[in-house]
């Protein structure tokens, strides 16, 4: 899983750098290029933050489900021991 995460992060970083360089070398005015780069990185960082929040929420939900499952299993085991 760690290797896949590294590949995805490196791919996204490469896309960001490539897009920024493409905009910088495009035949437009400097002010327009800077505005495009700023907008691109603003959107890119917003997307990264949203994805990180989604992953955090998924992990938090998984943790809650795991705690519930463990508690249920312990209660079942406790009930079996008391029933004997």
C-alpha atoms as a PDB file:
ATOM      1  CA  UNK A   1       0.000   0.000   0.000  1.00  0.00           C
ATOM      2  CA  UNK A   2       2.837   2.386   0.795  1.00  0.00           C
ATOM      3  CA  UNK A   3       4.395   1.892  -2.636  1.00  0.00           C
ATOM      4  CA  UNK A   4       1.095   2.682  -4.358  1.00  0.00           C
ATOM      5  CA  UNK A   5       0.712   5.857  -2.309  1.00  0.00           C
ATOM      6  CA  UNK A   6       4.208   7.004  -3.248  1.00  0.00           C
ATOM      7  CA  UNK A   7       3.512   6.387  -6.930  1.00  0.00           C
ATOM      8  CA  UNK A   8       0.260   8.351  -6.796  1.00  0.00           C
ATOM      9  CA  UNK A   9       1.846  11.276  -4.933  1.00  0.00           C
ATOM     10  CA  UNK A  10       4.790  11.377  -7.349  1.00  0.00           C
ATOM     11  CA  UNK A  11       2.443  11.196 -10.331  1.00  0.00           C
ATOM     12  CA  UNK A  12       0.345  14.082  -9.021  1.00  0.00           C
ATOM     13  CA  UNK A  13       3.469  16.122  -8.294  1.00  0.00           C
ATOM     14  CA  UNK A  14       4.723  15.469 -11.820  1.00  0.00           C
ATOM     15  CA  UNK A  15       1.415  16.530 -13.319  1.00  0.00           C
ATOM     16  CA  UNK A  16       1.459  19.728 -11.250  1.00  0.00           C
ATOM     17  CA  UNK A  17       5.020  20.616 -12.226  1.00  0.00           C
ATOM     18  CA  UNK A  18       4.351  19.784 -15.875  1.00  0.00           C
ATOM     19  CA  UNK A  19       1.231  21.929 -15.956  1.00  0.00           C
ATOM     20  CA  UNK A  20       3.039  24.830 -14.300  1.00  0.00           C
ATOM     21  CA  UNK A  21       5.932  24.618 -16.761  1.00  0.00           C
ATOM     22  CA  UNK A  22       3.519  24.366 -19.669  1.00  0.00           C
ATOM     23  CA  UNK A  23       1.748  27.509 -18.567  1.00  0.00           C
ATOM     24  CA  UNK A  24       5.033  29.344 -17.952  1.00  0.00           C
ATOM     25  CA  UNK A  25       6.321  28.600 -21.434  1.00  0.00           C
ATOM     26  CA  UNK A  26       3.018  29.288 -23.181  1.00  0.00           C
ATOM     27  CA  UNK A  27       2.935  32.381 -25.404  1.00  0.00           C
ATOM     28  CA  UNK A  28       0.796  34.559 -23.112  1.00  0.00           C
ATOM     29  CA  UNK A  29       1.430  37.648 -21.028  1.00  0.00           C
ATOM     30  CA  UNK A  30       3.212  37.177 -17.709  1.00  0.00           C
ATOM     31  CA  UNK A  31       0.303  38.449 -15.667  1.00  0.00           C
ATOM     32  CA  UNK A  32      -2.079  35.977 -17.306  1.00  0.00           C
ATOM     33  CA  UNK A  33       0.393  33.127 -16.852  1.00  0.00           C
ATOM     34  CA  UNK A  34       0.849  33.908 -13.167  1.00  0.00           C
ATOM     35  CA  UNK A  35      -2.916  34.086 -12.723  1.00  0.00           C
ATOM     36  CA  UNK A  36      -3.331  30.698 -14.429  1.00  0.00           C
ATOM     37  CA  UNK A  37      -0.592  29.135 -12.296  1.00  0.00           C
ATOM     38  CA  UNK A  38      -2.124  30.560  -9.127  1.00  0.00           C
ATOM     39  CA  UNK A  39      -5.565  29.256 -10.069  1.00  0.00           C
ATOM     40  CA  UNK A  40      -4.164  25.836 -10.991  1.00  0.00           C
ATOM     41  CA  UNK A  41      -2.306  25.400  -7.704  1.00  0.00           C
ATOM     42  CA  UNK A  42      -5.247  26.726  -5.695  1.00  0.00           C
ATOM     43  CA  UNK A  43      -7.523  24.143  -7.310  1.00  0.00           C
ATOM     44  CA  UNK A  44      -4.875  21.450  -6.976  1.00  0.00           C
ATOM     45  CA  UNK A  45      -4.346  22.121  -3.262  1.00  0.00           C
ATOM     46  CA  UNK A  46      -8.123  22.222  -2.670  1.00  0.00           C
ATOM     47  CA  UNK A  47      -8.429  18.843  -4.367  1.00  0.00           C
ATOM     48  CA  UNK A  48      -5.615  17.384  -2.268  1.00  0.00           C
ATOM     49  CA  UNK A  49      -7.181  18.692   0.926  1.00  0.00           C
ATOM     50  CA  UNK A  50     -10.592  17.292  -0.035  1.00  0.00           C
ATOM     51  CA  UNK A  51      -9.065  13.898  -0.817  1.00  0.00           C
ATOM     52  CA  UNK A  52      -7.157  13.880   2.474  1.00  0.00           C
ATOM     53  CA  UNK A  53     -10.342  14.724   4.395  1.00  0.00           C
ATOM     54  CA  UNK A  54     -12.215  11.953   2.594  1.00  0.00           C
ATOM     55  CA  UNK A  55      -9.487   9.429   3.422  1.00  0.00           C
ATOM     56  CA  UNK A  56      -9.502  10.562   7.058  1.00  0.00           C
ATOM     57  CA  UNK A  57     -13.279  10.113   7.236  1.00  0.00           C
ATOM     58  CA  UNK A  58     -13.041   6.644   5.674  1.00  0.00           C
ATOM     59  CA  UNK A  59     -10.403   5.610   8.207  1.00  0.00           C
ATOM     60  CA  UNK A  60     -12.420   7.075  11.060  1.00  0.00           C
ATOM     61  CA  UNK A  61     -15.510   5.142   9.953  1.00  0.00           C
ATOM     62  CA  UNK A  62     -13.433   1.969   9.597  1.00  0.00           C
ATOM     63  CA  UNK A  63     -12.075   2.464  13.120  1.00  0.00           C
ATOM     64  CA  UNK A  64     -15.580   2.902  14.519  1.00  0.00           C
ATOM     65  CA  UNK A  65     -16.813  -0.200  12.703  1.00  0.00           C
ATOM     66  CA  UNK A  66     -13.870  -2.214  13.963  1.00  0.00           C
ATOM     67  CA  UNK A  67     -14.470  -1.103  17.548  1.00  0.00           C
ATOM     68  CA  UNK A  68     -18.126  -2.081  17.249  1.00  0.00           C
ATOM     69  CA  UNK A  69     -17.259  -5.485  15.775  1.00  0.00           C
ATOM     70  CA  UNK A  70     -14.731  -6.208  18.545  1.00  0.00           C
ATOM     71  CA  UNK A  71     -17.199  -5.199  21.238  1.00  0.00           C
ATOM     72  CA  UNK A  72     -19.883  -7.414  19.716  1.00  0.00           C
ATOM     73  CA  UNK A  73     -17.491 -10.343  19.524  1.00  0.00           C
ATOM     74  CA  UNK A  74     -16.437  -9.849  23.149  1.00  0.00           C
ATOM     75  CA  UNK A  75     -20.064  -9.733  24.242  1.00  0.00           C
ATOM     76  CA  UNK A  76     -20.764 -12.976  22.367  1.00  0.00           C
ATOM     77  CA  UNK A  77     -17.792 -14.662  23.999  1.00  0.00           C
ATOM     78  CA  UNK A  78     -18.820 -13.327  27.413  1.00  0.00           C
ATOM     79  CA  UNK A  79     -22.374 -14.628  26.889  1.00  0.00           C
ATOM     80  CA  UNK A  80     -21.033 -18.083  25.975  1.00  0.00           C
ATOM     81  CA  UNK A  81     -18.878 -18.224  29.102  1.00  0.00           C
ATOM     82  CA  UNK A  82     -21.711 -17.122  31.368  1.00  0.00           C
ATOM     83  CA  UNK A  83     -24.129 -19.561  29.707  1.00  0.00           C
ATOM     84  CA  UNK A  84     -21.914 -22.588  30.414  1.00  0.00           C
END
